[in-house]
Amino acid sequence: MKLIKQYILPLFFCIVCIACSEDDSANSEMPADQVIFDFRQELNVAYGTDPRQVFDIYLPEGRTQSTKVMILIHGGGWVSGSKEDMNLLKDLYLQDAPDIAIVNMNYRLANEDNPPYPMQINDISLLIDYLKSNKETFVISDDIGFLGTSAGAHLAMLWSYAFDTESNVQMVCSIVGPTNFTDPAYLENEDPVIDELIEIYGIDPTTDFLEEVSPFHQVNESAPPTILFYGGQDPLIPTSQGVDMSNRLEALGVTHEFTLYENAGHGWIGLELIDTWNKIKVFTNSHL
């Protein structure tokens, strides 16, 4: 597992803190449909009983029951990582998309006794159910988007394509997320780092199971708009993972964008990071 962790740790995210929580100061005497809500944040809100089942939520000023929600899912090879790894993207959304509510979630981490699937997909479902049950309190809508990195991107795509039974997902963004575990670049490789990554989903899993946990095999023509980012020199995610996913979306007629940074690895900085955010921002404005 050490081999994975030295690559999986997000390479371009930094921990940035936001100001402490503010309470809504709406005039309680105003009619409900005329209340103007202030910005408010709540940290480490529990959506389950496990200590890892918590999220931070950032609620925009002036929100209504039509306010859309962007859910951020961290990476870490399904076995590590934290919502704090997504602070840069959270802060960028707060700055450039101030009308969207942001949810930054933790989920239970996999280990030898607790495989990632379906545990982590179940955590996303629990979170969505919690948000829906409390949407009047938060003053948000059921419409959501996902942005995930690495393993979090895999989870975001898989949930959006196979588990969104009520079509609430309006868009999904994958930054270096695995898409197809039946890819020969995985199954026929001789790299111990990649072997260790695959083994998280079980030693010698069946083809049917690998297809069940692969967004590439679960996606269909009703999938939400999808934006993909991959690095040409990524030691964990073969280029084919992004290229084949993009081609699959094209064949199905699903609205999508695909960017491959030829010289980037499992994350990037500088001009490539600026380009990534600019594209995410435009895609979010168009689809969420």
Protein backbone atom coordinates (compact mmCIF):
# COMPACT_ATOMS: atom_id res chain seq x y z
CA MET A 1 0.00 0.00 0.00
CA LYS A 2 2.92 2.34 0.51
CA LEU A 3 3.57 2.32 -3.23
CA ILE A 4 0.10 3.64 -3.93
CA LYS A 5 0.14 6.31 -1.25
CA GLN A 6 3.31 7.93 -2.55
CA TYR A 7 1.59 8.55 -5.87
CA ILE A 8 -2.04 8.99 -4.87
CA LEU A 9 -1.59 11.94 -2.55
CA PRO A 10 -3.02 14.88 -4.48
CA LEU A 11 -0.21 16.69 -6.24
CA PHE A 12 -1.82 19.99 -6.93
CA PHE A 13 -4.18 20.55 -4.03
CA CYS A 14 -3.22 22.61 -1.05
CA ILE A 15 -4.98 23.10 2.25
CA VAL A 16 -6.61 26.50 2.40
CA CYS A 17 -8.81 27.50 5.30
CA ILE A 18 -11.94 29.57 4.97
CA ALA A 19 -13.30 31.96 7.58
CA CYS A 20 -15.24 30.62 10.52
CA SER A 21 -18.94 29.80 10.28
CA GLU A 22 -21.57 32.49 9.88
CA ASP A 23 -25.19 32.13 10.95
CA ASP A 24 -28.13 33.15 8.79
CA SER A 25 -29.43 36.52 9.89
CA ALA A 26 -32.62 36.59 7.84
CA ASN A 27 -35.46 38.65 9.24
CA SER A 28 -37.79 36.08 10.82
CA GLU A 29 -40.73 38.45 10.37
CA MET A 30 -40.44 38.44 6.57
CA PRO A 31 -42.58 36.05 4.51
CA ALA A 32 -40.70 32.79 3.85
CA ASP A 33 -40.49 33.43 0.12
CA GLN A 34 -38.85 36.84 0.73
CA VAL A 35 -36.21 35.85 3.26
CA ILE A 36 -32.66 36.72 2.18
CA PHE A 37 -30.24 34.17 3.58
CA ASP A 38 -26.66 35.03 4.50
CA PHE A 39 -23.66 32.89 3.65
CA ARG A 40 -23.35 30.03 6.13
CA GLN A 41 -21.02 27.10 6.56
CA GLU A 42 -21.30 23.99 8.71
CA LEU A 43 -18.28 21.77 9.25
CA ASN A 44 -18.11 18.05 9.99
CA VAL A 45 -21.83 17.45 9.66
CA ALA A 46 -22.55 13.77 10.31
CA TYR A 47 -24.50 11.90 7.62
CA GLY A 48 -23.89 8.47 9.24
CA THR A 49 -22.63 6.89 12.43
CA ASP A 50 -19.01 6.26 11.39
CA PRO A 51 -16.49 9.03 12.26
CA ARG A 52 -15.57 9.21 8.55
CA GLN A 53 -19.15 9.87 7.50
CA VAL A 54 -19.02 13.65 7.75
CA PHE A 55 -19.11 16.57 5.33
CA ASP A 56 -18.59 20.32 5.23
CA ILE A 57 -21.28 22.42 3.56
CA TYR A 58 -20.97 26.01 2.31
CA LEU A 59 -24.31 27.67 1.67
CA PRO A 60 -24.33 30.78 -0.55
CA GLU A 61 -25.81 34.13 0.30
CA GLY A 62 -29.21 34.67 -1.26
CA ARG A 63 -29.82 30.95 -1.78
CA THR A 64 -33.24 29.56 -2.59
CA GLN A 65 -34.76 26.13 -2.93
CA SER A 66 -33.50 26.21 -6.53
CA THR A 67 -29.84 26.47 -5.43
CA LYS A 68 -27.70 23.73 -7.00
CA VAL A 69 -25.16 21.67 -5.04
CA MET A 70 -21.62 20.68 -6.05
CA ILE A 71 -20.25 17.64 -4.18
CA LEU A 72 -16.46 17.24 -3.93
CA ILE A 73 -14.98 13.74 -3.47
CA HIS A 74 -11.32 13.38 -2.50
CA GLY A 75 -8.87 10.80 -3.82
CA GLY A 76 -6.44 8.53 -2.03
CA GLY A 77 -6.62 5.14 -3.74
CA TRP A 78 -9.83 4.29 -1.82
CA VAL A 79 -7.66 3.73 1.29
CA SER A 80 -6.50 7.21 2.31
CA GLY A 81 -7.15 10.91 1.82
CA SER A 82 -9.47 13.47 3.34
CA LYS A 83 -11.89 16.22 2.39
CA GLU A 84 -9.19 18.74 3.32
CA ASP A 85 -7.35 17.61 0.17
CA MET A 86 -10.11 19.34 -1.82
CA ASN A 87 -9.82 22.73 -0.14
CA LEU A 88 -8.28 24.43 -3.16
CA LEU A 89 -11.14 23.40 -5.42
CA LYS A 90 -13.64 24.25 -2.71
CA ASP A 91 -12.20 27.75 -2.40
CA LEU A 92 -12.15 28.22 -6.18
CA TYR A 93 -15.84 27.34 -6.34
CA LEU A 94 -16.63 29.72 -3.47
CA GLN A 95 -14.80 32.47 -5.32
CA ASP A 96 -15.97 31.89 -8.90
CA ALA A 97 -19.36 30.19 -8.45
CA PRO A 98 -20.86 32.00 -5.45
CA ASP A 99 -24.44 30.92 -6.24
CA ILE A 100 -23.71 27.21 -5.80
CA ALA A 101 -23.76 25.32 -2.50
CA ILE A 102 -20.57 23.31 -1.95
CA VAL A 103 -20.44 19.98 -0.12
CA ASN A 104 -17.00 18.55 0.66
CA MET A 105 -17.35 14.97 1.89
CA ASN A 106 -15.37 12.31 3.69
CA TYR A 107 -16.22 8.63 3.23
CA ARG A 108 -15.18 5.39 4.90
CA LEU A 109 -11.74 4.19 3.82
CA ALA A 110 -11.15 0.68 2.55
CA ASN A 111 -8.91 -1.87 4.24
CA GLU A 112 -8.41 -5.63 4.21
CA ASP A 113 -11.68 -6.19 6.08
CA ASN A 114 -13.73 -3.49 4.33
CA PRO A 115 -13.49 -3.39 0.53
CA PRO A 116 -14.26 -0.09 -1.19
CA TYR A 117 -17.27 -1.44 -3.09
CA PRO A 118 -20.09 -1.12 -2.29
CA MET A 119 -19.12 0.62 0.98
CA GLN A 120 -18.05 3.94 -0.53
CA ILE A 121 -20.90 4.04 -3.05
CA ASN A 122 -23.26 3.46 -0.12
CA ASP A 123 -21.68 6.44 1.66
CA ILE A 124 -22.43 8.68 -1.30
CA SER A 125 -26.03 7.44 -1.32
CA LEU A 126 -26.30 8.17 2.42
CA LEU A 127 -25.00 11.68 1.87
CA ILE A 128 -27.44 12.35 -0.97
CA ASP A 129 -30.34 11.07 1.14
CA TYR A 130 -29.24 13.31 4.02
CA LEU A 131 -29.09 16.38 1.78
CA LYS A 132 -32.54 15.64 0.37
CA SER A 133 -34.01 15.11 3.84
CA ASN A 134 -32.58 18.44 5.00
CA LYS A 135 -32.97 20.51 1.84
CA GLU A 136 -35.52 22.84 3.43
CA THR A 137 -33.19 23.50 6.34
CA PHE A 138 -30.21 24.09 4.07
CA VAL A 139 -32.38 25.85 1.44
CA ILE A 140 -31.06 23.90 -1.54
CA SER A 141 -32.44 21.90 -4.45
CA ASP A 142 -32.11 18.24 -5.39
CA ASP A 143 -29.93 19.12 -8.40
CA ILE A 144 -26.31 18.15 -7.83
CA GLY A 145 -22.96 17.96 -9.57
CA PHE A 146 -19.90 15.90 -8.70
CA LEU A 147 -16.22 16.73 -8.90
CA GLY A 148 -13.82 13.98 -7.89
CA THR A 149 -10.09 13.44 -8.05
CA SER A 150 -8.39 10.05 -8.59
CA ALA A 151 -10.34 7.41 -6.62
CA GLY A 152 -12.91 10.10 -5.79
CA ALA A 153 -13.41 10.73 -9.51
CA HIS A 154 -14.02 7.01 -10.03
CA LEU A 155 -16.65 7.06 -7.27
CA ALA A 156 -18.25 10.22 -8.68
CA MET A 157 -18.61 8.71 -12.15
CA LEU A 158 -19.77 5.30 -10.94
CA TRP A 159 -22.47 6.78 -8.69
CA SER A 160 -23.61 9.21 -11.38
CA TYR A 161 -23.83 6.54 -14.08
CA ALA A 162 -25.17 3.55 -12.13
CA PHE A 163 -26.81 4.74 -8.89
CA ASP A 164 -28.51 8.05 -9.68
CA THR A 165 -31.97 6.52 -9.97
CA GLU A 166 -33.75 9.89 -9.72
CA SER A 167 -31.58 11.71 -12.30
CA ASN A 168 -30.43 14.36 -9.83
CA VAL A 169 -26.87 14.58 -11.20
CA GLN A 170 -26.54 17.44 -13.67
CA MET A 171 -22.81 17.05 -14.34
CA VAL A 172 -19.78 15.05 -13.24
CA CYS A 173 -16.09 15.97 -13.40
CA SER A 174 -13.27 13.43 -13.30
CA ILE A 175 -9.71 14.50 -12.61
CA VAL A 176 -7.46 11.45 -13.18
CA GLY A 177 -10.18 8.99 -12.22
CA PRO A 178 -9.98 5.28 -13.11
CA THR A 179 -12.76 4.37 -15.54
CA ASN A 180 -12.26 0.77 -16.72
CA PHE A 181 -10.76 -2.02 -14.63
CA THR A 182 -10.96 -4.45 -17.57
CA ASP A 183 -8.59 -2.30 -19.59
CA PRO A 184 -5.65 -4.46 -20.80
CA ALA A 185 -3.40 -1.64 -19.60
CA TYR A 186 -4.44 -2.74 -16.11
CA LEU A 187 -5.01 -6.48 -16.47
CA GLU A 188 -1.89 -7.20 -18.55
CA ASN A 189 0.50 -4.81 -16.84
CA GLU A 190 3.62 -5.86 -14.90
CA ASP A 191 3.83 -2.76 -12.72
CA PRO A 192 3.56 -3.63 -8.99
CA VAL A 193 2.10 -0.19 -8.22
CA ILE A 194 -0.80 -0.75 -10.64
CA ASP A 195 -1.20 -4.36 -9.47
CA GLU A 196 -1.59 -3.12 -5.91
CA LEU A 197 -4.21 -0.62 -7.02
CA ILE A 198 -6.28 -3.32 -8.74
CA GLU A 199 -5.93 -5.70 -5.77
CA ILE A 200 -7.82 -3.24 -3.59
CA TYR A 201 -10.89 -4.54 -5.41
CA GLY A 202 -9.92 -8.15 -4.66
CA ILE A 203 -7.36 -10.72 -5.76
CA ASP A 204 -8.35 -12.15 -9.16
CA PRO A 205 -11.84 -10.57 -9.28
CA THR A 206 -14.19 -11.80 -11.98
CA THR A 207 -14.69 -9.89 -15.21
CA ASP A 208 -18.34 -9.32 -14.31
CA PHE A 209 -17.32 -7.71 -11.03
CA LEU A 210 -14.69 -5.51 -12.68
CA GLU A 211 -17.31 -4.33 -15.16
CA GLU A 212 -19.75 -3.66 -12.32
CA VAL A 213 -17.28 -1.26 -10.68
CA SER A 214 -16.14 0.38 -13.93
CA PRO A 215 -17.81 3.63 -15.03
CA PHE A 216 -16.85 2.74 -18.62
CA HIS A 217 -19.11 -0.31 -18.50
CA GLN A 218 -21.91 1.29 -16.48
CA VAL A 219 -22.40 4.47 -18.48
CA ASN A 220 -25.34 4.75 -20.89
CA GLU A 221 -26.93 7.35 -23.13
CA SER A 222 -28.79 8.98 -20.21
CA ALA A 223 -25.56 9.84 -18.37
CA PRO A 224 -25.08 13.44 -17.22
CA PRO A 225 -22.66 15.79 -19.00
CA THR A 226 -19.12 14.74 -18.12
CA ILE A 227 -15.79 16.56 -18.18
CA LEU A 228 -12.54 14.56 -18.02
CA PHE A 229 -8.92 15.51 -17.25
CA TYR A 230 -5.94 13.13 -17.48
CA GLY A 231 -2.16 13.21 -17.53
CA GLY A 232 -0.13 11.55 -20.27
CA GLN A 233 2.63 10.54 -17.83
CA ASP A 234 0.40 9.32 -14.99
CA PRO A 235 2.05 6.33 -13.26
CA LEU A 236 -1.30 5.01 -11.98
CA ILE A 237 -3.93 5.90 -14.56
CA PRO A 238 -3.07 4.77 -18.11
CA THR A 239 -3.90 7.27 -20.83
CA SER A 240 -6.38 4.76 -22.23
CA GLN A 241 -8.58 5.27 -19.16
CA GLY A 242 -9.38 8.80 -20.27
CA VAL A 243 -9.26 8.30 -24.03
CA ASP A 244 -11.52 5.23 -24.00
CA MET A 245 -13.99 6.91 -21.63
CA SER A 246 -14.17 9.94 -23.89
CA ASN A 247 -14.76 7.71 -26.92
CA ARG A 248 -17.45 5.79 -25.08
CA LEU A 249 -19.27 9.00 -24.17
CA GLU A 250 -18.98 10.16 -27.78
CA ALA A 251 -20.49 6.91 -29.06
CA LEU A 252 -23.40 7.21 -26.62
CA GLY A 253 -24.06 10.84 -27.53
CA VAL A 254 -23.38 12.08 -24.01
CA THR A 255 -22.29 15.71 -23.71
CA HIS A 256 -18.67 15.67 -22.61
CA GLU A 257 -15.24 17.31 -22.77
CA PHE A 258 -11.85 15.63 -22.56
CA THR A 259 -8.45 17.16 -21.86
CA LEU A 260 -5.18 15.23 -21.89
CA TYR A 261 -2.08 17.02 -20.61
CA GLU A 262 0.61 15.05 -22.42
CA ASN A 263 3.44 15.85 -20.01
CA ALA A 264 1.48 15.76 -16.75
CA GLY A 265 1.36 12.97 -14.20
CA HIS A 266 -1.20 12.18 -11.48
CA GLY A 267 -1.94 15.88 -10.98
CA TRP A 268 -0.44 19.14 -12.19
CA ILE A 269 0.30 22.76 -11.31
CA GLY A 270 0.88 26.08 -13.06
CA LEU A 271 -0.71 26.83 -16.43
CA GLU A 272 -2.25 23.38 -16.70
CA LEU A 273 -4.01 23.83 -13.35
CA ILE A 274 -5.29 27.24 -14.47
CA ASP A 275 -6.55 25.67 -17.70
CA THR A 276 -8.28 22.90 -15.74
CA TRP A 277 -10.10 25.31 -13.47
CA ASN A 278 -11.16 27.59 -16.32
CA LYS A 279 -12.69 24.62 -18.14
CA ILE A 280 -14.39 23.31 -15.01
CA LYS A 281 -15.82 26.74 -14.29
CA VAL A 282 -17.31 27.10 -17.78
CA PHE A 283 -18.64 23.52 -17.73
CA THR A 284 -20.26 24.07 -14.32
CA ASN A 285 -21.88 27.31 -15.45
CA SER A 286 -23.28 25.52 -18.51
CA HIS A 287 -24.62 22.39 -16.88
CA LEU A 288 -25.26 22.92 -13.15
